[in-house]
Each structure stands twice: as C-alpha cells, then as structure tokens.
Amino acid sequence: MIRAVLFDLDDTLMDHTSAMHAGLDEWCAELGVAQGQHARFSALERKWFSAYERGEVTHQGQRIERCREFLGQTLDDAASLAAYDGYLAAYQRNWRAFPDALPALRRALAAGLNVGILTNGAREMQEGKLRAGGLNLPEVQLIATVDLGIPKPQAAAYHEGCRVLRSEPAHTLMVGDSLANDVEGARAAGLQAVYLQRDGSGEVSSLDELSF
C-alpha cells in the first residue's frame, strides 16, 4: 500500500530541458557566440552533473567545470561562476511547470498521501522553480539532496525522503524521468518507482496516468 510519494523535479514536474534550451540561446546571444548548441550543452550538463553525483566534484564545482568547457576558456573559479550566472539568469526566465504537474500533486494530496519532491538540485534554485511553476504547495515537502551531501542514486537520499514523509521505503513511491536516479536507485533502496518518459518510452508518458 502506497502511503507517500516522492516526485523528481527537473523534467518530471518542471520542464527543465525547454528552459535550458531557451536560456542557453539567450545567454549565447548575450555572449555573441553561436546559438543552437543544445546537444553540446546537454552533454556537458550530463557529464559534470554525473561527476557531482559520483562525488567527484562539488555542486558548485560542476557548474564551474561545465562553464569552462562550454566556453573553451581557461577561467578561474570566480570568473567561471560569474559567466555561468548569465546562463542561470536566462534559464530562470524560462522556468515552466508541465501542465500535468500541479494536478498530480493535488491528486496525491487528495488521496491522503504524504507528498514530497526529491531533487539533486540546489534548494534555493529548486524553491524558485516551484514558485515559478505554481507548485509551491505548503503540504508538499522539498528534499534537496545538496543539503545532505548525498545525491540520488545513493540509497541514503531516498531514505531521507522517506524519513521526511514518515513512510517506510516499501510504502513509498518514487516518480521521475531518470532511469538511474528515479527508478533503479529508488528500487534498490526498497521503494516502489514509476519511470516517466514523455516521449512514450517509459512506463508512463504523463503524470495524468498516475492513480493514487
């Protein structure tokens, strides 16, 4: 029996990819460099965020390295972060929730479930996304693994989410778009999980398909 549900945030509740692409093009225009470098930037995001998740760099460090490599410049840490701030500002201007996100949260709450969002993103940024997307419901708990220093897919991240929601792993459902971070890792930690892929390649293609 499911008593609690944990949602991932980026590309599950919030349309991170679209915001990233639009923000990247705005940033590149400001810098006077070629727009449309979505695939390259996405690959660098995966490379360096995965390094963070493996504990090889800090959360801030992955931003520094991502910016350096994308711009192809030898920048010190402060200069790299300053440059990256330009991307972040443009990215933030394009934050949008998926249309099925708020209804899914409300449906889970109406079913009497404890509801949380388990994210590897930094708390301040993720709180801003929730506000921008109209998803900052007082009943929904935000668990940002950066605060813990233990990102998904480490078992302790999911267990902290369960602790916050006062639910045993076996009675907790994790919903997300990352096979490694939201499905395989969650199941290995004893949770139930649903794999969301909006292109139809997952277990569900919309949060509207979830019933609680």
N, C-alpha and C. Protein backbone atom coordinates (compact mmCIF):
# COMPACT_ATOMS: atom_id res chain seq x y z
N MET A 1 0.84 -1.20 0.00
CA MET A 1 0.00 0.00 0.00
C MET A 1 0.88 1.25 0.00
N ILE A 2 0.62 2.15 -0.92
CA ILE A 2 1.38 3.39 -1.01
C ILE A 2 0.86 4.40 0.01
N ARG A 3 1.78 4.92 0.83
CA ARG A 3 1.40 5.92 1.83
C ARG A 3 2.06 7.27 1.56
N ALA A 4 3.06 7.28 0.69
CA ALA A 4 3.76 8.53 0.39
C ALA A 4 4.29 8.47 -1.03
N VAL A 5 4.44 9.63 -1.64
CA VAL A 5 5.00 9.69 -2.99
C VAL A 5 6.04 10.78 -3.06
N LEU A 6 7.16 10.46 -3.67
CA LEU A 6 8.25 11.40 -3.93
C LEU A 6 8.32 11.63 -5.43
N PHE A 7 8.27 12.89 -5.82
CA PHE A 7 8.44 13.25 -7.22
C PHE A 7 9.83 13.83 -7.43
N ASP A 8 10.44 13.50 -8.55
CA ASP A 8 11.59 14.25 -9.02
C ASP A 8 11.07 15.61 -9.50
N LEU A 9 11.97 16.58 -9.65
CA LEU A 9 11.53 17.92 -10.09
C LEU A 9 11.85 18.19 -11.55
N ASP A 10 13.13 18.17 -11.91
CA ASP A 10 13.53 18.58 -13.27
C ASP A 10 13.16 17.53 -14.30
N ASP A 11 12.41 17.96 -15.30
CA ASP A 11 11.90 17.13 -16.38
C ASP A 11 10.89 16.09 -15.92
N THR A 12 10.40 16.27 -14.68
CA THR A 12 9.28 15.48 -14.17
C THR A 12 8.11 16.42 -13.89
N LEU A 13 8.32 17.37 -12.99
CA LEU A 13 7.31 18.39 -12.70
C LEU A 13 7.57 19.68 -13.47
N MET A 14 8.85 20.05 -13.58
CA MET A 14 9.24 21.27 -14.29
C MET A 14 9.92 20.91 -15.62
N ASP A 15 9.64 21.70 -16.66
CA ASP A 15 10.21 21.44 -17.99
C ASP A 15 11.62 22.02 -18.07
N HIS A 16 12.54 21.31 -17.44
CA HIS A 16 13.93 21.74 -17.39
C HIS A 16 14.55 21.84 -18.78
N THR A 17 14.33 20.85 -19.63
CA THR A 17 15.00 20.82 -20.93
C THR A 17 14.62 22.02 -21.78
N SER A 18 13.35 22.35 -21.85
CA SER A 18 12.93 23.51 -22.65
C SER A 18 13.50 24.80 -22.08
N ALA A 19 13.51 24.91 -20.74
CA ALA A 19 14.08 26.11 -20.11
C ALA A 19 15.57 26.21 -20.38
N MET A 20 16.26 25.07 -20.34
CA MET A 20 17.69 25.05 -20.60
C MET A 20 17.98 25.49 -22.04
N HIS A 21 17.24 24.97 -22.99
CA HIS A 21 17.48 25.31 -24.39
C HIS A 21 17.22 26.80 -24.65
N ALA A 22 16.10 27.30 -24.16
CA ALA A 22 15.77 28.71 -24.37
C ALA A 22 16.77 29.61 -23.65
N GLY A 23 17.10 29.24 -22.41
CA GLY A 23 18.06 30.03 -21.64
C GLY A 23 19.43 30.03 -22.27
N LEU A 24 19.83 28.88 -22.79
CA LEU A 24 21.15 28.78 -23.44
C LEU A 24 21.22 29.70 -24.65
N ASP A 25 20.17 29.71 -25.46
CA ASP A 25 20.18 30.56 -26.66
C ASP A 25 20.24 32.04 -26.27
N GLU A 26 19.52 32.43 -25.22
CA GLU A 26 19.57 33.82 -24.77
C GLU A 26 20.98 34.17 -24.28
N TRP A 27 21.58 33.27 -23.52
CA TRP A 27 22.93 33.51 -22.98
C TRP A 27 23.95 33.61 -24.10
N CYS A 28 23.86 32.70 -25.07
CA CYS A 28 24.80 32.73 -26.19
C CYS A 28 24.65 34.02 -26.99
N ALA A 29 23.42 34.48 -27.15
CA ALA A 29 23.21 35.75 -27.86
C ALA A 29 23.88 36.90 -27.12
N GLU A 30 23.78 36.88 -25.78
CA GLU A 30 24.42 37.92 -24.98
C GLU A 30 25.95 37.86 -25.11
N LEU A 31 26.49 36.65 -25.23
CA LEU A 31 27.94 36.47 -25.33
C LEU A 31 28.47 36.65 -26.74
N GLY A 32 27.55 36.65 -27.72
CA GLY A 32 27.97 36.76 -29.11
C GLY A 32 28.54 35.48 -29.68
N VAL A 33 28.09 34.34 -29.14
CA VAL A 33 28.53 33.05 -29.66
C VAL A 33 27.34 32.35 -30.31
N ALA A 34 27.64 31.28 -31.05
CA ALA A 34 26.61 30.59 -31.82
C ALA A 34 25.50 30.04 -30.93
N GLN A 35 24.26 30.29 -31.35
CA GLN A 35 23.11 29.71 -30.65
C GLN A 35 22.86 28.29 -31.18
N GLY A 36 21.92 27.60 -30.55
CA GLY A 36 21.54 26.26 -31.00
C GLY A 36 22.47 25.15 -30.56
N GLN A 37 23.33 25.42 -29.59
CA GLN A 37 24.29 24.40 -29.14
C GLN A 37 23.68 23.53 -28.02
N HIS A 38 22.43 23.14 -28.22
CA HIS A 38 21.69 22.43 -27.17
C HIS A 38 22.30 21.07 -26.86
N ALA A 39 22.60 20.29 -27.89
CA ALA A 39 23.11 18.94 -27.67
C ALA A 39 24.46 18.99 -26.94
N ARG A 40 25.31 19.91 -27.34
CA ARG A 40 26.63 20.02 -26.71
C ARG A 40 26.49 20.44 -25.25
N PHE A 41 25.64 21.41 -24.98
CA PHE A 41 25.47 21.88 -23.61
C PHE A 41 24.83 20.79 -22.75
N SER A 42 23.86 20.07 -23.31
CA SER A 42 23.22 18.98 -22.57
C SER A 42 24.21 17.89 -22.23
N ALA A 43 25.10 17.58 -23.17
CA ALA A 43 26.11 16.56 -22.92
C ALA A 43 27.06 16.99 -21.80
N LEU A 44 27.42 18.27 -21.78
CA LEU A 44 28.29 18.77 -20.71
C LEU A 44 27.56 18.79 -19.38
N GLU A 45 26.27 19.11 -19.41
CA GLU A 45 25.48 19.06 -18.17
C GLU A 45 25.48 17.64 -17.61
N ARG A 46 25.23 16.66 -18.48
CA ARG A 46 25.21 15.26 -18.02
C ARG A 46 26.58 14.84 -17.51
N LYS A 47 27.63 15.23 -18.22
CA LYS A 47 28.98 14.85 -17.83
C LYS A 47 29.32 15.36 -16.44
N TRP A 48 29.11 16.64 -16.21
CA TRP A 48 29.56 17.24 -14.95
C TRP A 48 28.59 17.01 -13.81
N PHE A 49 27.28 16.92 -14.12
CA PHE A 49 26.35 16.64 -13.02
C PHE A 49 26.50 15.19 -12.57
N SER A 50 26.81 14.30 -13.51
CA SER A 50 27.08 12.91 -13.13
C SER A 50 28.34 12.83 -12.27
N ALA A 51 29.34 13.65 -12.58
CA ALA A 51 30.54 13.69 -11.75
C ALA A 51 30.22 14.15 -10.34
N TYR A 52 29.30 15.12 -10.23
CA TYR A 52 28.85 15.56 -8.91
C TYR A 52 28.14 14.42 -8.18
N GLU A 53 27.27 13.72 -8.88
CA GLU A 53 26.52 12.63 -8.25
C GLU A 53 27.43 11.49 -7.81
N ARG A 54 28.57 11.34 -8.47
CA ARG A 54 29.56 10.33 -8.06
C ARG A 54 30.48 10.83 -6.96
N GLY A 55 30.32 12.10 -6.57
CA GLY A 55 31.15 12.65 -5.52
C GLY A 55 32.51 13.13 -5.97
N GLU A 56 32.68 13.32 -7.29
CA GLU A 56 33.99 13.70 -7.83
C GLU A 56 34.21 15.21 -7.82
N VAL A 57 33.13 15.99 -7.84
CA VAL A 57 33.20 17.45 -7.74
C VAL A 57 32.06 17.90 -6.85
N THR A 58 32.15 19.12 -6.36
CA THR A 58 31.06 19.69 -5.58
C THR A 58 29.94 20.15 -6.51
N HIS A 59 28.81 20.52 -5.92
CA HIS A 59 27.71 21.03 -6.75
C HIS A 59 28.14 22.32 -7.46
N GLN A 60 28.83 23.19 -6.74
CA GLN A 60 29.33 24.41 -7.36
C GLN A 60 30.43 24.09 -8.36
N GLY A 61 31.24 23.09 -8.05
CA GLY A 61 32.32 22.70 -8.94
C GLY A 61 31.84 22.23 -10.30
N GLN A 62 30.71 21.52 -10.32
CA GLN A 62 30.21 21.06 -11.62
C GLN A 62 29.76 22.23 -12.48
N ARG A 63 29.27 23.30 -11.85
CA ARG A 63 28.91 24.49 -12.62
C ARG A 63 30.16 25.15 -13.20
N ILE A 64 31.19 25.24 -12.38
CA ILE A 64 32.46 25.85 -12.82
C ILE A 64 33.02 25.11 -14.02
N GLU A 65 33.10 23.79 -13.91
CA GLU A 65 33.71 22.99 -14.98
C GLU A 65 32.85 22.99 -16.24
N ARG A 66 31.55 22.95 -16.06
CA ARG A 66 30.64 22.97 -17.20
C ARG A 66 30.81 24.25 -18.00
N CYS A 67 30.90 25.38 -17.30
CA CYS A 67 31.04 26.67 -17.96
C CYS A 67 32.40 26.77 -18.67
N ARG A 68 33.45 26.37 -17.99
CA ARG A 68 34.78 26.41 -18.60
C ARG A 68 34.82 25.62 -19.91
N GLU A 69 34.30 24.41 -19.85
CA GLU A 69 34.38 23.55 -21.03
C GLU A 69 33.50 24.07 -22.15
N PHE A 70 32.31 24.56 -21.81
CA PHE A 70 31.43 25.07 -22.85
C PHE A 70 32.03 26.27 -23.55
N LEU A 71 32.57 27.20 -22.78
CA LEU A 71 33.15 28.41 -23.37
C LEU A 71 34.53 28.18 -23.95
N GLY A 72 35.18 27.07 -23.58
CA GLY A 72 36.51 26.79 -24.09
C GLY A 72 37.54 27.78 -23.63
N GLN A 73 37.36 28.28 -22.40
CA GLN A 73 38.26 29.29 -21.86
C GLN A 73 38.85 28.83 -20.54
N THR A 74 40.08 29.25 -20.28
CA THR A 74 40.72 28.97 -19.00
C THR A 74 40.35 30.08 -18.02
N LEU A 75 39.32 29.81 -17.25
CA LEU A 75 38.78 30.80 -16.31
C LEU A 75 39.06 30.34 -14.88
N ASP A 76 39.35 31.29 -14.01
CA ASP A 76 39.44 30.89 -12.60
C ASP A 76 38.02 30.65 -12.08
N ASP A 77 37.92 30.11 -10.88
CA ASP A 77 36.60 29.70 -10.37
C ASP A 77 35.63 30.87 -10.33
N ALA A 78 36.08 32.03 -9.84
CA ALA A 78 35.20 33.18 -9.71
C ALA A 78 34.70 33.66 -11.07
N ALA A 79 35.60 33.70 -12.06
CA ALA A 79 35.22 34.17 -13.39
C ALA A 79 34.25 33.18 -14.05
N SER A 80 34.49 31.88 -13.83
CA SER A 80 33.60 30.88 -14.41
C SER A 80 32.20 30.97 -13.81
N LEU A 81 32.12 31.14 -12.50
CA LEU A 81 30.83 31.28 -11.85
C LEU A 81 30.12 32.56 -12.28
N ALA A 82 30.88 33.63 -12.46
CA ALA A 82 30.29 34.89 -12.90
C ALA A 82 29.70 34.74 -14.30
N ALA A 83 30.43 34.06 -15.17
CA ALA A 83 29.92 33.83 -16.52
C ALA A 83 28.68 32.93 -16.48
N TYR A 84 28.73 31.93 -15.64
CA TYR A 84 27.62 30.98 -15.54
C TYR A 84 26.36 31.65 -15.00
N ASP A 85 26.53 32.69 -14.20
CA ASP A 85 25.39 33.44 -13.69
C ASP A 85 24.54 34.01 -14.83
N GLY A 86 25.19 34.34 -15.94
CA GLY A 86 24.45 34.84 -17.09
C GLY A 86 23.53 33.78 -17.66
N TYR A 87 24.03 32.54 -17.71
CA TYR A 87 23.17 31.45 -18.16
C TYR A 87 22.03 31.21 -17.17
N LEU A 88 22.36 31.20 -15.88
CA LEU A 88 21.33 30.92 -14.88
C LEU A 88 20.20 31.93 -14.94
N ALA A 89 20.53 33.21 -15.14
CA ALA A 89 19.50 34.24 -15.21
C ALA A 89 18.56 33.98 -16.39
N ALA A 90 19.14 33.61 -17.53
CA ALA A 90 18.32 33.33 -18.71
C ALA A 90 17.52 32.05 -18.51
N TYR A 91 18.12 31.05 -17.91
CA TYR A 91 17.44 29.78 -17.61
C TYR A 91 16.23 30.04 -16.71
N GLN A 92 16.41 30.86 -15.69
CA GLN A 92 15.33 31.15 -14.75
C GLN A 92 14.16 31.86 -15.42
N ARG A 93 14.45 32.69 -16.39
CA ARG A 93 13.37 33.40 -17.08
C ARG A 93 12.46 32.46 -17.85
N ASN A 94 12.91 31.25 -18.08
CA ASN A 94 12.16 30.30 -18.90
C ASN A 94 11.60 29.12 -18.12
N TRP A 95 11.59 29.22 -16.79
CA TRP A 95 11.03 28.13 -15.98
C TRP A 95 9.52 28.01 -16.19
N ARG A 96 9.07 26.78 -16.47
CA ARG A 96 7.66 26.47 -16.62
C ARG A 96 7.40 25.08 -16.06
N ALA A 97 6.24 24.93 -15.41
CA ALA A 97 5.81 23.60 -14.98
C ALA A 97 5.10 22.90 -16.13
N PHE A 98 5.20 21.57 -16.15
CA PHE A 98 4.38 20.82 -17.09
C PHE A 98 2.91 20.95 -16.69
N PRO A 99 2.00 20.95 -17.65
CA PRO A 99 0.57 21.12 -17.32
C PRO A 99 0.02 20.05 -16.39
N ASP A 100 0.61 18.85 -16.40
CA ASP A 100 0.09 17.77 -15.56
C ASP A 100 0.71 17.74 -14.16
N ALA A 101 1.62 18.69 -13.87
CA ALA A 101 2.35 18.64 -12.60
C ALA A 101 1.47 19.00 -11.40
N LEU A 102 0.85 20.16 -11.45
CA LEU A 102 0.02 20.59 -10.31
C LEU A 102 -1.16 19.63 -10.08
N PRO A 103 -1.86 19.19 -11.12
CA PRO A 103 -2.93 18.22 -10.88
C PRO A 103 -2.44 16.94 -10.22
N ALA A 104 -1.23 16.48 -10.59
CA ALA A 104 -0.71 15.25 -9.98
C ALA A 104 -0.42 15.45 -8.50
N LEU A 105 0.17 16.58 -8.15
CA LEU A 105 0.43 16.86 -6.73
C LEU A 105 -0.87 16.94 -5.95
N ARG A 106 -1.85 17.63 -6.50
CA ARG A 106 -3.13 17.78 -5.80
C ARG A 106 -3.85 16.44 -5.68
N ARG A 107 -3.74 15.61 -6.71
CA ARG A 107 -4.40 14.30 -6.68
C ARG A 107 -3.79 13.41 -5.60
N ALA A 108 -2.47 13.47 -5.48
CA ALA A 108 -1.80 12.67 -4.45
C ALA A 108 -2.18 13.15 -3.05
N LEU A 109 -2.24 14.47 -2.87
CA LEU A 109 -2.63 15.01 -1.57
C LEU A 109 -4.08 14.66 -1.25
N ALA A 110 -4.94 14.74 -2.25
CA ALA A 110 -6.36 14.43 -2.04
C ALA A 110 -6.56 12.97 -1.66
N ALA A 111 -5.63 12.12 -2.10
CA ALA A 111 -5.71 10.69 -1.76
C ALA A 111 -5.20 10.41 -0.35
N GLY A 112 -4.75 11.46 0.34
CA GLY A 112 -4.27 11.29 1.70
C GLY A 112 -2.82 10.89 1.82
N LEU A 113 -2.07 11.00 0.72
CA LEU A 113 -0.66 10.63 0.75
C LEU A 113 0.20 11.78 1.25
N ASN A 114 1.30 11.44 1.90
CA ASN A 114 2.33 12.43 2.19
C ASN A 114 3.13 12.62 0.90
N VAL A 115 3.37 13.86 0.53
CA VAL A 115 3.95 14.16 -0.78
C VAL A 115 5.21 14.98 -0.63
N GLY A 116 6.24 14.57 -1.36
CA GLY A 116 7.49 15.30 -1.35
C GLY A 116 8.11 15.36 -2.72
N ILE A 117 9.10 16.23 -2.86
CA ILE A 117 9.89 16.36 -4.08
C ILE A 117 11.33 16.09 -3.70
N LEU A 118 11.91 15.08 -4.29
CA LEU A 118 13.29 14.68 -4.01
C LEU A 118 14.15 15.05 -5.21
N THR A 119 15.04 16.02 -5.01
CA THR A 119 15.80 16.58 -6.13
C THR A 119 17.28 16.66 -5.81
N ASN A 120 18.10 16.48 -6.84
CA ASN A 120 19.54 16.67 -6.70
C ASN A 120 19.94 18.12 -6.94
N GLY A 121 19.00 18.97 -7.25
CA GLY A 121 19.30 20.38 -7.47
C GLY A 121 19.47 21.13 -6.16
N ALA A 122 20.08 22.31 -6.24
CA ALA A 122 20.29 23.15 -5.07
C ALA A 122 18.96 23.70 -4.56
N ARG A 123 18.78 23.74 -3.24
CA ARG A 123 17.50 24.11 -2.63
C ARG A 123 16.99 25.48 -3.12
N GLU A 124 17.83 26.50 -3.07
CA GLU A 124 17.38 27.84 -3.43
C GLU A 124 16.84 27.88 -4.85
N MET A 125 17.55 27.25 -5.77
CA MET A 125 17.09 27.22 -7.16
C MET A 125 15.80 26.44 -7.29
N GLN A 126 15.73 25.29 -6.63
CA GLN A 126 14.55 24.45 -6.79
C GLN A 126 13.32 25.08 -6.14
N GLU A 127 13.52 25.81 -5.04
CA GLU A 127 12.40 26.55 -4.46
C GLU A 127 11.90 27.62 -5.43
N GLY A 128 12.83 28.26 -6.13
CA GLY A 128 12.44 29.26 -7.13
C GLY A 128 11.64 28.64 -8.26
N LYS A 129 12.02 27.44 -8.67
CA LYS A 129 11.27 26.76 -9.73
C LYS A 129 9.85 26.45 -9.28
N LEU A 130 9.73 25.98 -8.05
CA LEU A 130 8.39 25.66 -7.54
C LEU A 130 7.50 26.90 -7.52
N ARG A 131 8.08 28.02 -7.10
CA ARG A 131 7.29 29.27 -7.11
C ARG A 131 6.92 29.67 -8.53
N ALA A 132 7.88 29.60 -9.45
CA ALA A 132 7.62 29.99 -10.83
C ALA A 132 6.56 29.11 -11.48
N GLY A 133 6.57 27.84 -11.11
CA GLY A 133 5.63 26.90 -11.71
C GLY A 133 4.32 26.79 -10.97
N GLY A 134 4.16 27.54 -9.89
CA GLY A 134 2.94 27.45 -9.11
C GLY A 134 2.79 26.13 -8.38
N LEU A 135 3.92 25.50 -8.06
CA LEU A 135 3.91 24.18 -7.43
C LEU A 135 4.31 24.22 -5.95
N ASN A 136 4.47 25.41 -5.42
CA ASN A 136 4.95 25.56 -4.04
C ASN A 136 3.79 25.41 -3.05
N LEU A 137 3.23 24.22 -3.02
CA LEU A 137 2.12 23.94 -2.12
C LEU A 137 2.66 23.71 -0.71
N PRO A 138 2.02 24.28 0.30
CA PRO A 138 2.55 24.15 1.66
C PRO A 138 2.57 22.72 2.17
N GLU A 139 1.74 21.86 1.61
CA GLU A 139 1.69 20.47 2.07
C GLU A 139 2.79 19.60 1.46
N VAL A 140 3.48 20.11 0.46
CA VAL A 140 4.49 19.33 -0.26
C VAL A 140 5.88 19.68 0.28
N GLN A 141 6.61 18.65 0.69
CA GLN A 141 7.94 18.83 1.26
C GLN A 141 9.00 18.78 0.16
N LEU A 142 9.93 19.71 0.20
CA LEU A 142 11.07 19.70 -0.72
C LEU A 142 12.27 19.12 -0.01
N ILE A 143 12.83 18.05 -0.57
CA ILE A 143 14.04 17.44 -0.03
C ILE A 143 15.13 17.62 -1.08
N ALA A 144 16.07 18.52 -0.80
CA ALA A 144 17.16 18.82 -1.73
C ALA A 144 18.40 18.08 -1.26
N THR A 145 18.87 17.13 -2.05
CA THR A 145 19.97 16.28 -1.60
C THR A 145 21.29 17.04 -1.46
N VAL A 146 21.39 18.21 -2.09
CA VAL A 146 22.61 19.02 -1.91
C VAL A 146 22.79 19.36 -0.44
N ASP A 147 21.69 19.54 0.28
CA ASP A 147 21.76 19.84 1.71
C ASP A 147 22.38 18.68 2.48
N LEU A 148 22.19 17.47 1.97
CA LEU A 148 22.65 16.27 2.65
C LEU A 148 24.05 15.87 2.25
N GLY A 149 24.46 16.30 1.06
CA GLY A 149 25.73 15.82 0.51
C GLY A 149 25.63 14.38 0.05
N ILE A 150 24.41 13.91 -0.17
CA ILE A 150 24.18 12.51 -0.58
C ILE A 150 23.15 12.53 -1.71
N PRO A 151 23.58 12.67 -2.95
CA PRO A 151 22.61 12.76 -4.06
C PRO A 151 22.04 11.40 -4.45
N LYS A 152 20.89 11.45 -5.11
CA LYS A 152 20.42 10.26 -5.81
C LYS A 152 21.50 9.87 -6.83
N PRO A 153 21.79 8.62 -7.06
CA PRO A 153 21.04 7.43 -6.66
C PRO A 153 21.56 6.73 -5.39
N GLN A 154 22.21 7.43 -4.49
CA GLN A 154 22.63 6.80 -3.25
C GLN A 154 21.39 6.50 -2.39
N ALA A 155 21.37 5.33 -1.79
CA ALA A 155 20.20 4.88 -1.05
C ALA A 155 19.81 5.85 0.06
N ALA A 156 20.80 6.47 0.68
CA ALA A 156 20.51 7.37 1.80
C ALA A 156 19.65 8.56 1.36
N ALA A 157 19.74 8.97 0.10
CA ALA A 157 18.93 10.08 -0.38
C ALA A 157 17.44 9.72 -0.35
N TYR A 158 17.10 8.54 -0.85
CA TYR A 158 15.70 8.11 -0.84
C TYR A 158 15.22 7.87 0.59
N HIS A 159 16.09 7.31 1.41
CA HIS A 159 15.70 7.04 2.79
C HIS A 159 15.44 8.33 3.56
N GLU A 160 16.18 9.39 3.24
CA GLU A 160 15.89 10.68 3.86
C GLU A 160 14.53 11.19 3.41
N GLY A 161 14.22 11.02 2.14
CA GLY A 161 12.89 11.40 1.67
C GLY A 161 11.80 10.64 2.40
N CYS A 162 12.00 9.36 2.61
CA CYS A 162 11.02 8.56 3.35
C CYS A 162 10.91 9.04 4.79
N ARG A 163 12.04 9.38 5.39
CA ARG A 163 12.02 9.86 6.78
C ARG A 163 11.21 11.15 6.89
N VAL A 164 11.45 12.08 5.96
CA VAL A 164 10.73 13.35 5.99
C VAL A 164 9.23 13.13 5.82
N LEU A 165 8.87 12.17 4.97
CA LEU A 165 7.45 11.91 4.71
C LEU A 165 6.85 10.90 5.68
N ARG A 166 7.67 10.42 6.63
CA ARG A 166 7.20 9.49 7.67
C ARG A 166 6.59 8.24 7.04
N SER A 167 7.34 7.66 6.13
CA SER A 167 6.86 6.48 5.42
C SER A 167 8.01 5.49 5.25
N GLU A 168 7.71 4.22 5.37
CA GLU A 168 8.71 3.19 5.10
C GLU A 168 8.97 3.11 3.60
N PRO A 169 10.20 2.77 3.21
CA PRO A 169 10.50 2.68 1.77
C PRO A 169 9.53 1.81 0.99
N ALA A 170 9.13 0.68 1.54
CA ALA A 170 8.24 -0.24 0.82
C ALA A 170 6.88 0.38 0.54
N HIS A 171 6.50 1.40 1.31
CA HIS A 171 5.21 2.06 1.14
C HIS A 171 5.34 3.43 0.48
N THR A 172 6.50 3.67 -0.14
CA THR A 172 6.78 4.97 -0.76
C THR A 172 7.02 4.79 -2.25
N LEU A 173 6.40 5.64 -3.04
CA LEU A 173 6.55 5.61 -4.49
C LEU A 173 7.43 6.76 -4.95
N MET A 174 8.39 6.48 -5.80
CA MET A 174 9.24 7.50 -6.43
C MET A 174 8.83 7.62 -7.89
N VAL A 175 8.61 8.84 -8.35
CA VAL A 175 8.20 9.09 -9.73
C VAL A 175 9.21 10.04 -10.37
N GLY A 176 9.77 9.64 -11.51
CA GLY A 176 10.71 10.53 -12.16
C GLY A 176 11.12 10.08 -13.53
N ASP A 177 11.92 10.95 -14.18
CA ASP A 177 12.29 10.72 -15.58
C ASP A 177 13.66 10.09 -15.76
N SER A 178 14.43 9.96 -14.67
CA SER A 178 15.77 9.40 -14.77
C SER A 178 15.74 7.93 -14.39
N LEU A 179 16.13 7.06 -15.32
CA LEU A 179 16.13 5.63 -15.04
C LEU A 179 17.06 5.31 -13.88
N ALA A 180 18.24 5.93 -13.88
CA ALA A 180 19.22 5.65 -12.82
C ALA A 180 18.81 6.26 -11.49
N ASN A 181 18.41 7.53 -11.52
CA ASN A 181 18.20 8.28 -10.28
C ASN A 181 16.81 8.14 -9.68
N ASP A 182 15.82 7.90 -10.50
CA ASP A 182 14.45 7.89 -10.01
C ASP A 182 13.80 6.51 -10.01
N VAL A 183 14.41 5.58 -10.72
CA VAL A 183 13.81 4.25 -10.84
C VAL A 183 14.73 3.18 -10.26
N GLU A 184 15.86 2.96 -10.91
CA GLU A 184 16.75 1.89 -10.45
C GLU A 184 17.27 2.15 -9.04
N GLY A 185 17.71 3.38 -8.79
CA GLY A 185 18.22 3.73 -7.47
C GLY A 185 17.15 3.61 -6.41
N ALA A 186 15.95 4.08 -6.73
CA ALA A 186 14.84 4.01 -5.77
C ALA A 186 14.47 2.57 -5.45
N ARG A 187 14.37 1.76 -6.48
CA ARG A 187 14.01 0.36 -6.26
C ARG A 187 15.09 -0.37 -5.48
N ALA A 188 16.34 -0.06 -5.75
CA ALA A 188 17.44 -0.68 -5.00
C ALA A 188 17.39 -0.29 -3.53
N ALA A 189 16.85 0.89 -3.24
CA ALA A 189 16.73 1.37 -1.85
C ALA A 189 15.46 0.88 -1.18
N GLY A 190 14.66 0.08 -1.89
CA GLY A 190 13.47 -0.52 -1.31
C GLY A 190 12.17 0.19 -1.60
N LEU A 191 12.21 1.26 -2.40
CA LEU A 191 10.99 1.99 -2.75
C LEU A 191 10.34 1.37 -3.98
N GLN A 192 9.10 1.72 -4.21
CA GLN A 192 8.47 1.46 -5.49
C GLN A 192 8.78 2.65 -6.41
N ALA A 193 8.69 2.43 -7.71
CA ALA A 193 9.05 3.52 -8.63
C ALA A 193 8.27 3.42 -9.92
N VAL A 194 8.04 4.59 -10.52
CA VAL A 194 7.42 4.68 -11.84
C VAL A 194 8.32 5.53 -12.72
N TYR A 195 8.60 5.01 -13.91
CA TYR A 195 9.50 5.64 -14.86
C TYR A 195 8.69 6.49 -15.84
N LEU A 196 8.88 7.81 -15.77
CA LEU A 196 8.19 8.75 -16.64
C LEU A 196 9.08 9.13 -17.81
N GLN A 197 8.58 8.92 -19.02
CA GLN A 197 9.24 9.41 -20.23
C GLN A 197 8.16 9.99 -21.13
N ARG A 198 8.23 11.28 -21.34
CA ARG A 198 7.15 11.96 -22.05
C ARG A 198 7.12 11.63 -23.54
N ASP A 199 8.15 10.94 -24.03
CA ASP A 199 8.14 10.50 -25.43
C ASP A 199 7.51 9.12 -25.60
N GLY A 200 7.02 8.55 -24.50
CA GLY A 200 6.35 7.26 -24.58
C GLY A 200 7.25 6.06 -24.37
N SER A 201 8.53 6.26 -24.08
CA SER A 201 9.46 5.14 -23.95
C SER A 201 9.58 4.63 -22.51
N GLY A 202 8.84 5.23 -21.58
CA GLY A 202 8.90 4.78 -20.20
C GLY A 202 7.67 3.98 -19.81
N GLU A 203 7.42 3.89 -18.51
CA GLU A 203 6.25 3.18 -18.02
C GLU A 203 4.99 4.03 -18.13
N VAL A 204 5.15 5.34 -18.00
CA VAL A 204 4.06 6.28 -18.25
C VAL A 204 4.63 7.44 -19.06
N SER A 205 3.76 8.12 -19.81
CA SER A 205 4.21 9.27 -20.60
C SER A 205 3.66 10.58 -20.07
N SER A 206 2.80 10.49 -19.06
CA SER A 206 2.22 11.69 -18.46
C SER A 206 1.91 11.40 -17.00
N LEU A 207 2.02 12.43 -16.18
CA LEU A 207 1.63 12.28 -14.77
C LEU A 207 0.13 12.06 -14.64
N ASP A 208 -0.64 12.38 -15.66
CA ASP A 208 -2.07 12.14 -15.65
C ASP A 208 -2.39 10.65 -15.57
N GLU A 209 -1.43 9.81 -15.94
CA GLU A 209 -1.65 8.37 -15.91
C GLU A 209 -1.52 7.77 -14.52
N LEU A 210 -0.99 8.55 -13.58
CA LEU A 210 -0.81 8.05 -12.22
C LEU A 210 -2.14 8.09 -11.47
N SER A 211 -2.44 6.99 -10.79
CA SER A 211 -3.62 6.97 -9.92
C SER A 211 -3.15 6.65 -8.52
N PHE A 212 -3.71 7.33 -7.55
CA PHE A 212 -3.28 7.16 -6.15
C PHE A 212 -4.45 6.66 -5.30
